[in-house]
Amino acid sequence: MTSVFAYEIIFKTPVRNLFAGAYDIVRRDVRARAGRLIKVLEPDARNPRTLRKLQLLRTVVGSPDNAAGCT
């Protein structure tokens, strides 16, 4: 795992750019899984803890990469 960060330092390029294909696959999978989890949690949306989870998951599914804290 640390060698990935070493590549970023050596090549002065963000890891997500160095491994763009892999990054895109992981991003798509994470968003799909978040979407499925939203459907599972929605029936319990009145619960405050579940509501917070849903809000976070919706930002993962529907926002650009940098809105969820990625740069």
N, C-alpha and C. Protein backbone atom coordinates (compact mmCIF):
# COMPACT_ATOMS: atom_id res chain seq x y z
N MET A 1 0.82 -1.20 0.00
CA MET A 1 0.00 0.00 0.00
C MET A 1 0.86 1.26 0.00
N THR A 2 1.94 1.26 0.77
CA THR A 2 2.76 2.47 0.84
C THR A 2 3.47 2.77 -0.47
N SER A 3 3.72 1.72 -1.28
CA SER A 3 4.39 2.00 -2.56
C SER A 3 3.51 2.82 -3.49
N VAL A 4 2.21 2.74 -3.32
CA VAL A 4 1.31 3.55 -4.14
C VAL A 4 1.57 5.03 -3.85
N PHE A 5 1.75 5.36 -2.59
CA PHE A 5 2.03 6.76 -2.23
C PHE A 5 3.43 7.16 -2.68
N ALA A 6 4.34 6.22 -2.68
CA ALA A 6 5.68 6.52 -3.18
C ALA A 6 5.62 6.89 -4.66
N TYR A 7 4.80 6.19 -5.43
CA TYR A 7 4.63 6.54 -6.85
C TYR A 7 4.12 7.96 -7.00
N GLU A 8 3.19 8.33 -6.14
CA GLU A 8 2.65 9.69 -6.20
C GLU A 8 3.75 10.72 -5.94
N ILE A 9 4.60 10.44 -4.97
CA ILE A 9 5.70 11.35 -4.65
C ILE A 9 6.71 11.40 -5.79
N ILE A 10 7.09 10.24 -6.29
CA ILE A 10 8.11 10.17 -7.34
C ILE A 10 7.64 10.85 -8.62
N PHE A 11 6.42 10.55 -9.03
CA PHE A 11 5.92 11.06 -10.31
C PHE A 11 5.17 12.38 -10.19
N LYS A 12 5.03 12.87 -8.93
CA LYS A 12 4.34 14.14 -8.67
C LYS A 12 2.98 14.19 -9.38
N THR A 13 2.28 13.07 -9.27
CA THR A 13 0.97 12.93 -9.89
C THR A 13 0.07 12.19 -8.91
N PRO A 14 -1.16 12.64 -8.71
CA PRO A 14 -2.07 11.94 -7.80
C PRO A 14 -2.23 10.47 -8.20
N VAL A 15 -2.31 9.62 -7.21
CA VAL A 15 -2.44 8.18 -7.44
C VAL A 15 -3.64 7.88 -8.33
N ARG A 16 -4.72 8.58 -8.13
CA ARG A 16 -5.91 8.31 -8.94
C ARG A 16 -5.66 8.60 -10.41
N ASN A 17 -4.70 9.46 -10.72
CA ASN A 17 -4.34 9.70 -12.12
C ASN A 17 -3.38 8.63 -12.64
N LEU A 18 -2.49 8.17 -11.77
CA LEU A 18 -1.55 7.13 -12.16
C LEU A 18 -2.26 5.81 -12.47
N PHE A 19 -3.30 5.55 -11.71
CA PHE A 19 -4.06 4.31 -11.87
C PHE A 19 -5.51 4.63 -12.22
N ALA A 20 -5.69 5.46 -13.22
CA ALA A 20 -7.01 5.98 -13.56
C ALA A 20 -8.03 4.88 -13.86
N GLY A 21 -7.65 3.86 -14.58
CA GLY A 21 -8.58 2.78 -14.90
C GLY A 21 -9.08 2.08 -13.65
N ALA A 22 -8.16 1.74 -12.77
CA ALA A 22 -8.53 1.07 -11.52
C ALA A 22 -9.37 2.00 -10.65
N TYR A 23 -9.01 3.27 -10.61
CA TYR A 23 -9.76 4.24 -9.82
C TYR A 23 -11.20 4.33 -10.30
N ASP A 24 -11.39 4.40 -11.61
CA ASP A 24 -12.74 4.50 -12.17
C ASP A 24 -13.58 3.27 -11.84
N ILE A 25 -12.97 2.10 -11.88
CA ILE A 25 -13.70 0.87 -11.54
C ILE A 25 -14.11 0.87 -10.08
N VAL A 26 -13.19 1.24 -9.20
CA VAL A 26 -13.50 1.28 -7.77
C VAL A 26 -14.57 2.33 -7.48
N ARG A 27 -14.46 3.51 -8.10
CA ARG A 27 -15.45 4.56 -7.90
C ARG A 27 -16.84 4.07 -8.31
N ARG A 28 -16.92 3.43 -9.47
CA ARG A 28 -18.21 2.93 -9.95
C ARG A 28 -18.78 1.89 -8.99
N ASP A 29 -17.93 0.98 -8.51
CA ASP A 29 -18.38 -0.06 -7.59
C ASP A 29 -18.84 0.51 -6.25
N VAL A 30 -18.09 1.47 -5.73
CA VAL A 30 -18.47 2.09 -4.45
C VAL A 30 -19.81 2.80 -4.59
N ARG A 31 -20.00 3.52 -5.66
CA ARG A 31 -21.27 4.23 -5.87
C ARG A 31 -22.43 3.25 -6.03
N ALA A 32 -22.19 2.14 -6.73
CA ALA A 32 -23.25 1.14 -6.90
C ALA A 32 -23.61 0.50 -5.56
N ARG A 33 -22.60 0.17 -4.78
CA ARG A 33 -22.87 -0.43 -3.47
C ARG A 33 -23.58 0.54 -2.55
N ALA A 34 -23.19 1.81 -2.60
CA ALA A 34 -23.88 2.83 -1.79
C ALA A 34 -25.34 2.94 -2.21
N GLY A 35 -25.59 2.89 -3.51
CA GLY A 35 -26.97 2.94 -4.00
C GLY A 35 -27.81 1.77 -3.51
N ARG A 36 -27.22 0.58 -3.50
CA ARG A 36 -27.94 -0.58 -2.98
C ARG A 36 -28.20 -0.45 -1.49
N LEU A 37 -27.24 0.07 -0.75
CA LEU A 37 -27.41 0.24 0.69
C LEU A 37 -28.48 1.29 0.99
N ILE A 38 -28.57 2.31 0.18
CA ILE A 38 -29.63 3.32 0.35
C ILE A 38 -30.99 2.64 0.29
N LYS A 39 -31.19 1.77 -0.68
CA LYS A 39 -32.48 1.08 -0.82
C LYS A 39 -32.79 0.21 0.39
N VAL A 40 -31.76 -0.39 0.97
CA VAL A 40 -31.96 -1.22 2.16
C VAL A 40 -32.32 -0.36 3.37
N LEU A 41 -31.68 0.80 3.50
CA LEU A 41 -31.87 1.64 4.69
C LEU A 41 -33.10 2.54 4.63
N GLU A 42 -33.59 2.86 3.44
CA GLU A 42 -34.69 3.81 3.31
C GLU A 42 -35.93 3.49 4.16
N PRO A 43 -36.32 2.23 4.30
CA PRO A 43 -37.50 1.97 5.14
C PRO A 43 -37.35 2.43 6.59
N ASP A 44 -36.12 2.57 7.07
CA ASP A 44 -35.87 3.00 8.45
C ASP A 44 -35.42 4.45 8.52
N ALA A 45 -35.80 5.26 7.54
CA ALA A 45 -35.30 6.64 7.44
C ALA A 45 -35.76 7.55 8.57
N ARG A 46 -36.71 7.13 9.36
CA ARG A 46 -37.14 7.97 10.50
C ARG A 46 -36.15 7.90 11.66
N ASN A 47 -35.34 6.89 11.67
CA ASN A 47 -34.33 6.76 12.71
C ASN A 47 -33.21 7.77 12.43
N PRO A 48 -32.87 8.63 13.42
CA PRO A 48 -31.85 9.67 13.19
C PRO A 48 -30.50 9.11 12.74
N ARG A 49 -30.08 7.98 13.28
CA ARG A 49 -28.79 7.39 12.87
C ARG A 49 -28.85 6.93 11.41
N THR A 50 -29.97 6.32 11.07
CA THR A 50 -30.13 5.86 9.69
C THR A 50 -30.20 7.05 8.74
N LEU A 51 -30.85 8.10 9.16
CA LEU A 51 -30.95 9.30 8.32
C LEU A 51 -29.57 9.88 8.03
N ARG A 52 -28.69 9.92 9.04
CA ARG A 52 -27.33 10.41 8.81
C ARG A 52 -26.58 9.52 7.83
N LYS A 53 -26.76 8.22 7.97
CA LYS A 53 -26.12 7.29 7.03
C LYS A 53 -26.63 7.53 5.61
N LEU A 54 -27.93 7.69 5.48
CA LEU A 54 -28.51 7.93 4.16
C LEU A 54 -27.98 9.22 3.54
N GLN A 55 -27.84 10.26 4.34
CA GLN A 55 -27.31 11.53 3.82
C GLN A 55 -25.89 11.34 3.29
N LEU A 56 -25.07 10.64 4.03
CA LEU A 56 -23.70 10.39 3.58
C LEU A 56 -23.69 9.55 2.30
N LEU A 57 -24.47 8.49 2.30
CA LEU A 57 -24.51 7.61 1.13
C LEU A 57 -25.01 8.35 -0.11
N ARG A 58 -25.96 9.24 0.07
CA ARG A 58 -26.46 10.01 -1.08
C ARG A 58 -25.39 10.95 -1.63
N THR A 59 -24.52 11.46 -0.77
CA THR A 59 -23.43 12.30 -1.29
C THR A 59 -22.43 11.45 -2.07
N VAL A 60 -22.22 10.22 -1.63
CA VAL A 60 -21.31 9.32 -2.35
C VAL A 60 -21.87 8.99 -3.72
N VAL A 61 -23.16 8.71 -3.78
CA VAL A 61 -23.79 8.30 -5.04
C VAL A 61 -23.94 9.46 -6.01
N GLY A 62 -24.32 10.64 -5.50
CA GLY A 62 -24.73 11.68 -6.42
C GLY A 62 -23.82 12.86 -6.60
N SER A 63 -22.66 12.86 -5.95
CA SER A 63 -21.84 14.05 -6.02
C SER A 63 -20.57 13.82 -6.81
N PRO A 64 -19.95 14.89 -7.30
CA PRO A 64 -18.64 14.75 -7.92
C PRO A 64 -17.64 14.24 -6.89
N ASP A 65 -16.52 13.73 -7.34
CA ASP A 65 -15.53 13.13 -6.44
C ASP A 65 -15.10 14.05 -5.32
N ASN A 66 -14.87 15.31 -5.60
CA ASN A 66 -14.32 16.20 -4.59
C ASN A 66 -15.34 16.60 -3.53
N ALA A 67 -16.63 16.40 -3.74
CA ALA A 67 -17.63 16.76 -2.74
C ALA A 67 -17.61 15.83 -1.55
N ALA A 68 -17.09 14.63 -1.71
CA ALA A 68 -17.02 13.69 -0.60
C ALA A 68 -15.67 13.72 0.09
N GLY A 69 -14.88 14.76 -0.17
CA GLY A 69 -13.60 14.90 0.50
C GLY A 69 -12.42 14.44 -0.32
N CYS A 70 -12.64 14.00 -1.54
CA CYS A 70 -11.55 13.58 -2.40
C CYS A 70 -10.99 14.77 -3.13
N THR A 71 -9.71 14.75 -3.42
CA THR A 71 -9.11 15.85 -4.19
C THR A 71 -8.48 15.32 -5.44
